[in-house]
């Protein structure tokens, strides 16, 4: 009869968080809403923390697109286009 080896549980991958600069006048919830309008789903994880929830495998193109959407969303909020 075969003996099974018990392995310790594998922790889930950590979710990347984005800390907003303290001087910004917009919150993570506002940035989440702006990013959603621009096609990116994120989760606020505090007043100034945005959580990204990517798939396990992300291409460089997808990462670049994510950064571009976040940049455009922050620009909208900083110029007051969307709030």
PDB file of N, CA and C in Angstrom:
ATOM      1  N   UNK A   1       0.844  -1.174   0.000  1.00  0.00           N
ATOM      2  CA  UNK A   1       0.000   0.000   0.000  1.00  0.00           C
ATOM      3  C   UNK A   1       0.893   1.242   0.000  1.00  0.00           C
ATOM      4  N   UNK A   2       0.561   2.217  -0.826  1.00  0.00           N
ATOM      5  CA  UNK A   2       1.359   3.444  -0.960  1.00  0.00           C
ATOM      6  C   UNK A   2       1.137   4.360   0.238  1.00  0.00           C
ATOM      7  N   UNK A   3       2.179   5.066   0.609  1.00  0.00           N
ATOM      8  CA  UNK A   3       2.079   6.025   1.703  1.00  0.00           C
ATOM      9  C   UNK A   3       1.936   7.427   1.117  1.00  0.00           C
ATOM     10  N   UNK A   4       0.944   8.135   1.569  1.00  0.00           N
ATOM     11  CA  UNK A   4       0.730   9.502   1.096  1.00  0.00           C
ATOM     12  C   UNK A   4       1.514  10.467   1.952  1.00  0.00           C
ATOM     13  N   UNK A   5       2.125  11.409   1.316  1.00  0.00           N
ATOM     14  CA  UNK A   5       2.842  12.452   2.042  1.00  0.00           C
ATOM     15  C   UNK A   5       1.934  13.671   2.135  1.00  0.00           C
ATOM     16  N   UNK A   6       1.854  14.224   3.303  1.00  0.00           N
ATOM     17  CA  UNK A   6       1.030  15.408   3.512  1.00  0.00           C
ATOM     18  C   UNK A   6       1.905  16.638   3.306  1.00  0.00           C
ATOM     19  N   UNK A   7       1.478  17.504   2.420  1.00  0.00           N
ATOM     20  CA  UNK A   7       2.203  18.740   2.165  1.00  0.00           C
ATOM     21  C   UNK A   7       1.507  19.879   2.887  1.00  0.00           C
ATOM     22  N   UNK A   8       2.274  20.863   3.309  1.00  0.00           N
ATOM     23  CA  UNK A   8       1.629  22.031   3.921  1.00  0.00           C
ATOM     24  C   UNK A   8       0.801  22.752   2.860  1.00  0.00           C
ATOM     25  N   UNK A   9      -0.265  23.425   3.272  1.00  0.00           N
ATOM     26  CA  UNK A   9      -1.082  24.123   2.289  1.00  0.00           C
ATOM     27  C   UNK A   9      -0.292  25.229   1.593  1.00  0.00           C
ATOM     28  N   UNK A  10      -0.590  25.428   0.331  1.00  0.00           N
ATOM     29  CA  UNK A  10       0.065  26.474  -0.451  1.00  0.00           C
ATOM     30  C   UNK A  10      -0.731  27.760  -0.258  1.00  0.00           C
ATOM     31  N   UNK A  11      -0.066  28.825   0.180  1.00  0.00           N
ATOM     32  CA  UNK A  11      -0.812  30.066   0.371  1.00  0.00           C
ATOM     33  C   UNK A  11      -1.242  30.641  -0.970  1.00  0.00           C
ATOM     34  N   UNK A  12      -2.387  31.317  -1.011  1.00  0.00           N
ATOM     35  CA  UNK A  12      -2.814  31.919  -2.273  1.00  0.00           C
ATOM     36  C   UNK A  12      -1.864  33.058  -2.642  1.00  0.00           C
ATOM     37  N   UNK A  13      -1.771  33.367  -3.931  1.00  0.00           N
ATOM     38  CA  UNK A  13      -0.893  34.473  -4.315  1.00  0.00           C
ATOM     39  C   UNK A  13      -1.391  35.772  -3.697  1.00  0.00           C
ATOM     40  N   UNK A  14      -0.471  36.621  -3.307  1.00  0.00           N
ATOM     41  CA  UNK A  14      -0.888  37.887  -2.714  1.00  0.00           C
ATOM     42  C   UNK A  14      -1.433  38.806  -3.798  1.00  0.00           C
ATOM     43  N   UNK A  15      -2.394  39.606  -3.423  1.00  0.00           N
ATOM     44  CA  UNK A  15      -2.998  40.537  -4.363  1.00  0.00           C
ATOM     45  C   UNK A  15      -2.214  41.835  -4.336  1.00  0.00           C
ATOM     46  N   UNK A  16      -1.878  42.359  -5.513  1.00  0.00           N
ATOM     47  CA  UNK A  16      -1.115  43.602  -5.528  1.00  0.00           C
ATOM     48  C   UNK A  16      -1.980  44.791  -5.107  1.00  0.00           C
ATOM     49  N   UNK A  17      -1.452  45.597  -4.212  1.00  0.00           N
ATOM     50  CA  UNK A  17      -2.127  46.805  -3.767  1.00  0.00           C
ATOM     51  C   UNK A  17      -1.377  48.014  -4.292  1.00  0.00           C
ATOM     52  N   UNK A  18      -2.120  49.069  -4.576  1.00  0.00           N
ATOM     53  CA  UNK A  18      -1.547  50.326  -5.018  1.00  0.00           C
ATOM     54  C   UNK A  18      -1.861  51.364  -3.953  1.00  0.00           C
ATOM     55  N   UNK A  19      -0.819  51.937  -3.357  1.00  0.00           N
ATOM     56  CA  UNK A  19      -0.993  52.979  -2.344  1.00  0.00           C
ATOM     57  C   UNK A  19      -1.047  54.317  -3.059  1.00  0.00           C
ATOM     58  N   UNK A  20      -2.160  55.039  -2.898  1.00  0.00           N
ATOM     59  CA  UNK A  20      -2.288  56.356  -3.511  1.00  0.00           C
ATOM     60  C   UNK A  20      -1.452  57.368  -2.727  1.00  0.00           C
ATOM     61  N   UNK A  21      -0.870  58.325  -3.412  1.00  0.00           N
ATOM     62  CA  UNK A  21      -0.103  59.354  -2.702  1.00  0.00           C
ATOM     63  C   UNK A  21      -0.990  60.093  -1.705  1.00  0.00           C
ATOM     64  N   UNK A  22      -0.441  60.425  -0.550  1.00  0.00           N
ATOM     65  CA  UNK A  22      -1.238  61.053   0.506  1.00  0.00           C
ATOM     66  C   UNK A  22      -1.766  62.422   0.100  1.00  0.00           C
ATOM     67  N   UNK A  23      -1.112  63.093  -0.832  1.00  0.00           N
ATOM     68  CA  UNK A  23      -1.549  64.424  -1.245  1.00  0.00           C
ATOM     69  C   UNK A  23      -2.710  64.432  -2.225  1.00  0.00           C
ATOM     70  N   UNK A  24      -3.080  63.274  -2.755  1.00  0.00           N
ATOM     71  CA  UNK A  24      -4.176  63.233  -3.733  1.00  0.00           C
ATOM     72  C   UNK A  24      -5.513  63.497  -3.052  1.00  0.00           C
ATOM     73  N   UNK A  25      -6.381  64.214  -3.746  1.00  0.00           N
ATOM     74  CA  UNK A  25      -7.684  64.564  -3.177  1.00  0.00           C
ATOM     75  C   UNK A  25      -8.762  63.532  -3.489  1.00  0.00           C
ATOM     76  N   UNK A  26      -8.440  62.508  -4.246  1.00  0.00           N
ATOM     77  CA  UNK A  26      -9.437  61.484  -4.541  1.00  0.00           C
ATOM     78  C   UNK A  26      -9.150  60.230  -3.730  1.00  0.00           C
ATOM     79  N   UNK A  27     -10.198  59.448  -3.513  1.00  0.00           N
ATOM     80  CA  UNK A  27     -10.085  58.225  -2.716  1.00  0.00           C
ATOM     81  C   UNK A  27      -9.958  57.005  -3.622  1.00  0.00           C
ATOM     82  N   UNK A  28      -9.640  55.889  -3.009  1.00  0.00           N
ATOM     83  CA  UNK A  28      -9.565  54.634  -3.759  1.00  0.00           C
ATOM     84  C   UNK A  28     -10.928  54.278  -4.347  1.00  0.00           C
ATOM     85  N   UNK A  29     -12.000  54.594  -3.640  1.00  0.00           N
ATOM     86  CA  UNK A  29     -13.349  54.306  -4.167  1.00  0.00           C
ATOM     87  C   UNK A  29     -13.623  55.130  -5.425  1.00  0.00           C
ATOM     88  N   UNK A  30     -13.198  56.389  -5.429  1.00  0.00           N
ATOM     89  CA  UNK A  30     -13.380  57.226  -6.622  1.00  0.00           C
ATOM     90  C   UNK A  30     -12.535  56.710  -7.782  1.00  0.00           C
ATOM     91  N   UNK A  31     -11.304  56.278  -7.482  1.00  0.00           N
ATOM     92  CA  UNK A  31     -10.448  55.728  -8.529  1.00  0.00           C
ATOM     93  C   UNK A  31     -11.011  54.412  -9.046  1.00  0.00           C
ATOM     94  N   UNK A  32     -11.583  53.608  -8.166  1.00  0.00           N
ATOM     95  CA  UNK A  32     -12.225  52.356  -8.593  1.00  0.00           C
ATOM     96  C   UNK A  32     -13.344  52.650  -9.585  1.00  0.00           C
ATOM     97  N   UNK A  33     -14.178  53.659  -9.284  1.00  0.00           N
ATOM     98  CA  UNK A  33     -15.287  54.022 -10.174  1.00  0.00           C
ATOM     99  C   UNK A  33     -14.764  54.530 -11.517  1.00  0.00           C
ATOM    100  N   UNK A  34     -13.728  55.374 -11.485  1.00  0.00           N
ATOM    101  CA  UNK A  34     -13.161  55.902 -12.731  1.00  0.00           C
ATOM    102  C   UNK A  34     -12.544  54.779 -13.560  1.00  0.00           C
ATOM    103  N   UNK A  35     -11.816  53.884 -12.902  1.00  0.00           N
ATOM    104  CA  UNK A  35     -11.201  52.760 -13.619  1.00  0.00           C
ATOM    105  C   UNK A  35     -12.275  51.866 -14.240  1.00  0.00           C
ATOM    106  N   UNK A  36     -13.381  51.661 -13.529  1.00  0.00           N
ATOM    107  CA  UNK A  36     -14.460  50.835 -14.069  1.00  0.00           C
ATOM    108  C   UNK A  36     -15.061  51.486 -15.318  1.00  0.00           C
ATOM    109  N   UNK A  37     -15.233  52.806 -15.274  1.00  0.00           N
ATOM    110  CA  UNK A  37     -15.746  53.508 -16.464  1.00  0.00           C
ATOM    111  C   UNK A  37     -14.803  53.329 -17.646  1.00  0.00           C
ATOM    112  N   UNK A  38     -13.513  53.165 -17.359  1.00  0.00           N
ATOM    113  CA  UNK A  38     -12.513  52.997 -18.417  1.00  0.00           C
ATOM    114  C   UNK A  38     -12.214  51.536 -18.740  1.00  0.00           C
ATOM    115  N   UNK A  39     -12.941  50.611 -18.115  1.00  0.00           N
ATOM    116  CA  UNK A  39     -12.830  49.197 -18.481  1.00  0.00           C
ATOM    117  C   UNK A  39     -11.929  48.348 -17.606  1.00  0.00           C
ATOM    118  N   UNK A  40     -11.583  48.832 -16.395  1.00  0.00           N
ATOM    119  CA  UNK A  40     -10.713  48.054 -15.501  1.00  0.00           C
ATOM    120  C   UNK A  40     -11.417  47.850 -14.171  1.00  0.00           C
ATOM    121  N   UNK A  41     -11.535  46.601 -13.750  1.00  0.00           N
ATOM    122  CA  UNK A  41     -12.141  46.293 -12.462  1.00  0.00           C
ATOM    123  C   UNK A  41     -11.071  46.254 -11.385  1.00  0.00           C
ATOM    124  N   UNK A  42     -11.293  47.016 -10.316  1.00  0.00           N
ATOM    125  CA  UNK A  42     -10.398  47.032  -9.163  1.00  0.00           C
ATOM    126  C   UNK A  42     -11.265  47.014  -7.908  1.00  0.00           C
ATOM    127  N   UNK A  43     -10.620  46.951  -6.751  1.00  0.00           N
ATOM    128  CA  UNK A  43     -11.343  46.911  -5.485  1.00  0.00           C
ATOM    129  C   UNK A  43     -10.685  47.910  -4.533  1.00  0.00           C
ATOM    130  N   UNK A  44     -11.469  48.815  -3.929  1.00  0.00           N
ATOM    131  CA  UNK A  44     -10.857  49.670  -2.920  1.00  0.00           C
ATOM    132  C   UNK A  44     -10.544  48.832  -1.684  1.00  0.00           C
ATOM    133  N   UNK A  45      -9.368  49.046  -1.095  1.00  0.00           N
ATOM    134  CA  UNK A  45      -8.956  48.271   0.074  1.00  0.00           C
ATOM    135  C   UNK A  45      -8.563  49.223   1.207  1.00  0.00           C
ATOM    136  N   UNK A  46      -9.264  50.303   1.306  1.00  0.00           N
ATOM    137  CA  UNK A  46      -8.986  51.351   2.273  1.00  0.00           C
ATOM    138  C   UNK A  46      -9.195  52.683   1.589  1.00  0.00           C
ATOM    139  N   UNK A  47      -9.079  53.760   2.344  1.00  0.00           N
ATOM    140  CA  UNK A  47      -9.340  55.083   1.766  1.00  0.00           C
ATOM    141  C   UNK A  47      -8.342  55.445   0.666  1.00  0.00           C
ATOM    142  N   UNK A  48      -7.093  55.051   0.827  1.00  0.00           N
ATOM    143  CA  UNK A  48      -6.051  55.404  -0.136  1.00  0.00           C
ATOM    144  C   UNK A  48      -5.324  54.188  -0.692  1.00  0.00           C
ATOM    145  N   UNK A  49      -5.970  53.016  -0.657  1.00  0.00           N
ATOM    146  CA  UNK A  49      -5.353  51.787  -1.167  1.00  0.00           C
ATOM    147  C   UNK A  49      -6.286  51.147  -2.186  1.00  0.00           C
ATOM    148  N   UNK A  50      -5.733  50.861  -3.354  1.00  0.00           N
ATOM    149  CA  UNK A  50      -6.483  50.222  -4.434  1.00  0.00           C
ATOM    150  C   UNK A  50      -5.934  48.816  -4.619  1.00  0.00           C
ATOM    151  N   UNK A  51      -6.800  47.833  -4.668  1.00  0.00           N
ATOM    152  CA  UNK A  51      -6.364  46.446  -4.846  1.00  0.00           C
ATOM    153  C   UNK A  51      -6.640  46.018  -6.281  1.00  0.00           C
ATOM    154  N   UNK A  52      -5.618  45.473  -6.908  1.00  0.00           N
ATOM    155  CA  UNK A  52      -5.752  44.897  -8.249  1.00  0.00           C
ATOM    156  C   UNK A  52      -6.006  43.409  -8.090  1.00  0.00           C
ATOM    157  N   UNK A  53      -6.854  42.865  -8.927  1.00  0.00           N
ATOM    158  CA  UNK A  53      -7.191  41.443  -8.839  1.00  0.00           C
ATOM    159  C   UNK A  53      -6.956  40.812 -10.219  1.00  0.00           C
ATOM    160  N   UNK A  54      -5.677  40.629 -10.579  1.00  0.00           N
ATOM    161  CA  UNK A  54      -5.372  40.093 -11.913  1.00  0.00           C
ATOM    162  C   UNK A  54      -5.526  38.574 -11.958  1.00  0.00           C
ATOM    163  N   UNK A  55      -5.618  38.032 -13.169  1.00  0.00           N
ATOM    164  CA  UNK A  55      -5.580  36.572 -13.290  1.00  0.00           C
ATOM    165  C   UNK A  55      -4.182  36.078 -12.917  1.00  0.00           C
ATOM    166  N   UNK A  56      -4.030  34.783 -12.763  1.00  0.00           N
ATOM    167  CA  UNK A  56      -2.736  34.228 -12.362  1.00  0.00           C
ATOM    168  C   UNK A  56      -1.655  34.443 -13.416  1.00  0.00           C
ATOM    169  N   UNK A  57      -2.058  34.492 -14.677  1.00  0.00           N
ATOM    170  CA  UNK A  57      -1.098  34.706 -15.755  1.00  0.00           C
ATOM    171  C   UNK A  57      -1.466  36.002 -16.462  1.00  0.00           C
ATOM    172  N   UNK A  58      -0.511  36.936 -16.508  1.00  0.00           N
ATOM    173  CA  UNK A  58      -0.744  38.237 -17.116  1.00  0.00           C
ATOM    174  C   UNK A  58       0.377  38.502 -18.113  1.00  0.00           C
ATOM    175  N   UNK A  59       0.000  38.909 -19.316  1.00  0.00           N
ATOM    176  CA  UNK A  59       1.017  39.239 -20.321  1.00  0.00           C
ATOM    177  C   UNK A  59       1.531  40.662 -20.088  1.00  0.00           C
ATOM    178  N   UNK A  60       2.657  40.971 -20.676  1.00  0.00           N
ATOM    179  CA  UNK A  60       3.210  42.322 -20.580  1.00  0.00           C
ATOM    180  C   UNK A  60       2.246  43.334 -21.184  1.00  0.00           C
ATOM    181  N   UNK A  61       1.594  42.964 -22.253  1.00  0.00           N
ATOM    182  CA  UNK A  61       0.618  43.854 -22.902  1.00  0.00           C
ATOM    183  C   UNK A  61      -0.554  44.153 -21.959  1.00  0.00           C
ATOM    184  N   UNK A  62      -1.044  43.143 -21.263  1.00  0.00           N
ATOM    185  CA  UNK A  62      -2.146  43.352 -20.322  1.00  0.00           C
ATOM    186  C   UNK A  62      -1.707  44.236 -19.157  1.00  0.00           C
ATOM    187  N   UNK A  63      -0.490  44.028 -18.665  1.00  0.00           N
ATOM    188  CA  UNK A  63       0.019  44.857 -17.576  1.00  0.00           C
ATOM    189  C   UNK A  63       0.162  46.305 -18.029  1.00  0.00           C
ATOM    190  N   UNK A  64       0.677  46.512 -19.235  1.00  0.00           N
ATOM    191  CA  UNK A  64       0.811  47.864 -19.768  1.00  0.00           C
ATOM    192  C   UNK A  64      -0.556  48.535 -19.928  1.00  0.00           C
ATOM    193  N   UNK A  65      -1.534  47.774 -20.394  1.00  0.00           N
ATOM    194  CA  UNK A  65      -2.884  48.321 -20.570  1.00  0.00           C
ATOM    195  C   UNK A  65      -3.485  48.700 -19.207  1.00  0.00           C
ATOM    196  N   UNK A  66      -3.253  47.878 -18.204  1.00  0.00           N
ATOM    197  CA  UNK A  66      -3.743  48.165 -16.854  1.00  0.00           C
ATOM    198  C   UNK A  66      -3.156  49.468 -16.326  1.00  0.00           C
ATOM    199  N   UNK A  67      -1.852  49.626 -16.489  1.00  0.00           N
ATOM    200  CA  UNK A  67      -1.190  50.849 -16.036  1.00  0.00           C
ATOM    201  C   UNK A  67      -1.719  52.055 -16.800  1.00  0.00           C
ATOM    202  N   UNK A  68      -1.937  51.893 -18.094  1.00  0.00           N
ATOM    203  CA  UNK A  68      -2.477  52.982 -18.908  1.00  0.00           C
ATOM    204  C   UNK A  68      -3.873  53.400 -18.460  1.00  0.00           C
ATOM    205  N   UNK A  69      -4.718  52.427 -18.144  1.00  0.00           N
ATOM    206  CA  UNK A  69      -6.074  52.734 -17.680  1.00  0.00           C
ATOM    207  C   UNK A  69      -6.027  53.420 -16.325  1.00  0.00           C
ATOM    208  N   UNK A  70      -5.172  52.942 -15.421  1.00  0.00           N
ATOM    209  CA  UNK A  70      -5.043  53.593 -14.118  1.00  0.00           C
ATOM    210  C   UNK A  70      -4.534  55.024 -14.268  1.00  0.00           C
ATOM    211  N   UNK A  71      -3.568  55.220 -15.146  1.00  0.00           N
ATOM    212  CA  UNK A  71      -3.025  56.555 -15.390  1.00  0.00           C
ATOM    213  C   UNK A  71      -4.110  57.492 -15.926  1.00  0.00           C
ATOM    214  N   UNK A  72      -4.875  57.030 -16.899  1.00  0.00           N
ATOM    215  CA  UNK A  72      -5.949  57.846 -17.474  1.00  0.00           C
ATOM    216  C   UNK A  72      -7.032  58.125 -16.436  1.00  0.00           C
ATOM    217  N   UNK A  73      -7.341  57.149 -15.617  1.00  0.00           N
ATOM    218  CA  UNK A  73      -8.370  57.313 -14.585  1.00  0.00           C
ATOM    219  C   UNK A  73      -7.931  58.332 -13.536  1.00  0.00           C
ATOM    220  N   UNK A  74      -6.657  58.269 -13.125  1.00  0.00           N
ATOM    221  CA  UNK A  74      -6.156  59.241 -12.161  1.00  0.00           C
ATOM    222  C   UNK A  74      -6.124  60.642 -12.768  1.00  0.00           C
ATOM    223  N   UNK A  75      -5.764  60.735 -14.051  1.00  0.00           N
ATOM    224  CA  UNK A  75      -5.744  62.039 -14.724  1.00  0.00           C
ATOM    225  C   UNK A  75      -7.148  62.645 -14.751  1.00  0.00           C
ATOM    226  N   UNK A  76      -8.157  61.814 -15.019  1.00  0.00           N
ATOM    227  CA  UNK A  76      -9.553  62.284 -15.003  1.00  0.00           C
ATOM    228  C   UNK A  76      -9.910  62.871 -13.652  1.00  0.00           C
ATOM    229  N   UNK A  77      -9.562  62.153 -12.594  1.00  0.00           N
ATOM    230  CA  UNK A  77      -9.905  62.607 -11.251  1.00  0.00           C
ATOM    231  C   UNK A  77      -9.125  63.868 -10.858  1.00  0.00           C
ATOM    232  N   UNK A  78      -7.877  63.965 -11.268  1.00  0.00           N
ATOM    233  CA  UNK A  78      -7.062  65.122 -10.910  1.00  0.00           C
ATOM    234  C   UNK A  78      -7.519  66.382 -11.639  1.00  0.00           C
ATOM    235  N   UNK A  79      -8.055  66.210 -12.842  1.00  0.00           N
ATOM    236  CA  UNK A  79      -8.527  67.381 -13.592  1.00  0.00           C
ATOM    237  C   UNK A  79      -9.994  67.647 -13.363  1.00  0.00           C
ATOM    238  N   UNK A  80     -10.653  66.773 -12.578  1.00  0.00           N
ATOM    239  CA  UNK A  80     -12.064  66.990 -12.240  1.00  0.00           C
ATOM    240  C   UNK A  80     -13.024  66.626 -13.333  1.00  0.00           C
ATOM    241  N   UNK A  81     -12.589  65.833 -14.339  1.00  0.00           N
ATOM    242  CA  UNK A  81     -13.488  65.457 -15.427  1.00  0.00           C
ATOM    243  C   UNK A  81     -14.593  64.532 -14.959  1.00  0.00           C
ATOM    244  N   UNK A  82     -14.276  63.608 -14.072  1.00  0.00           N
ATOM    245  CA  UNK A  82     -15.251  62.643 -13.546  1.00  0.00           C
ATOM    246  C   UNK A  82     -15.034  62.544 -12.048  1.00  0.00           C
ATOM    247  N   UNK A  83     -16.104  62.549 -11.259  1.00  0.00           N
ATOM    248  CA  UNK A  83     -15.939  62.381  -9.815  1.00  0.00           C
ATOM    249  C   UNK A  83     -17.023  61.560  -9.233  1.00  0.00           C
TER     250      UNK A  83
END
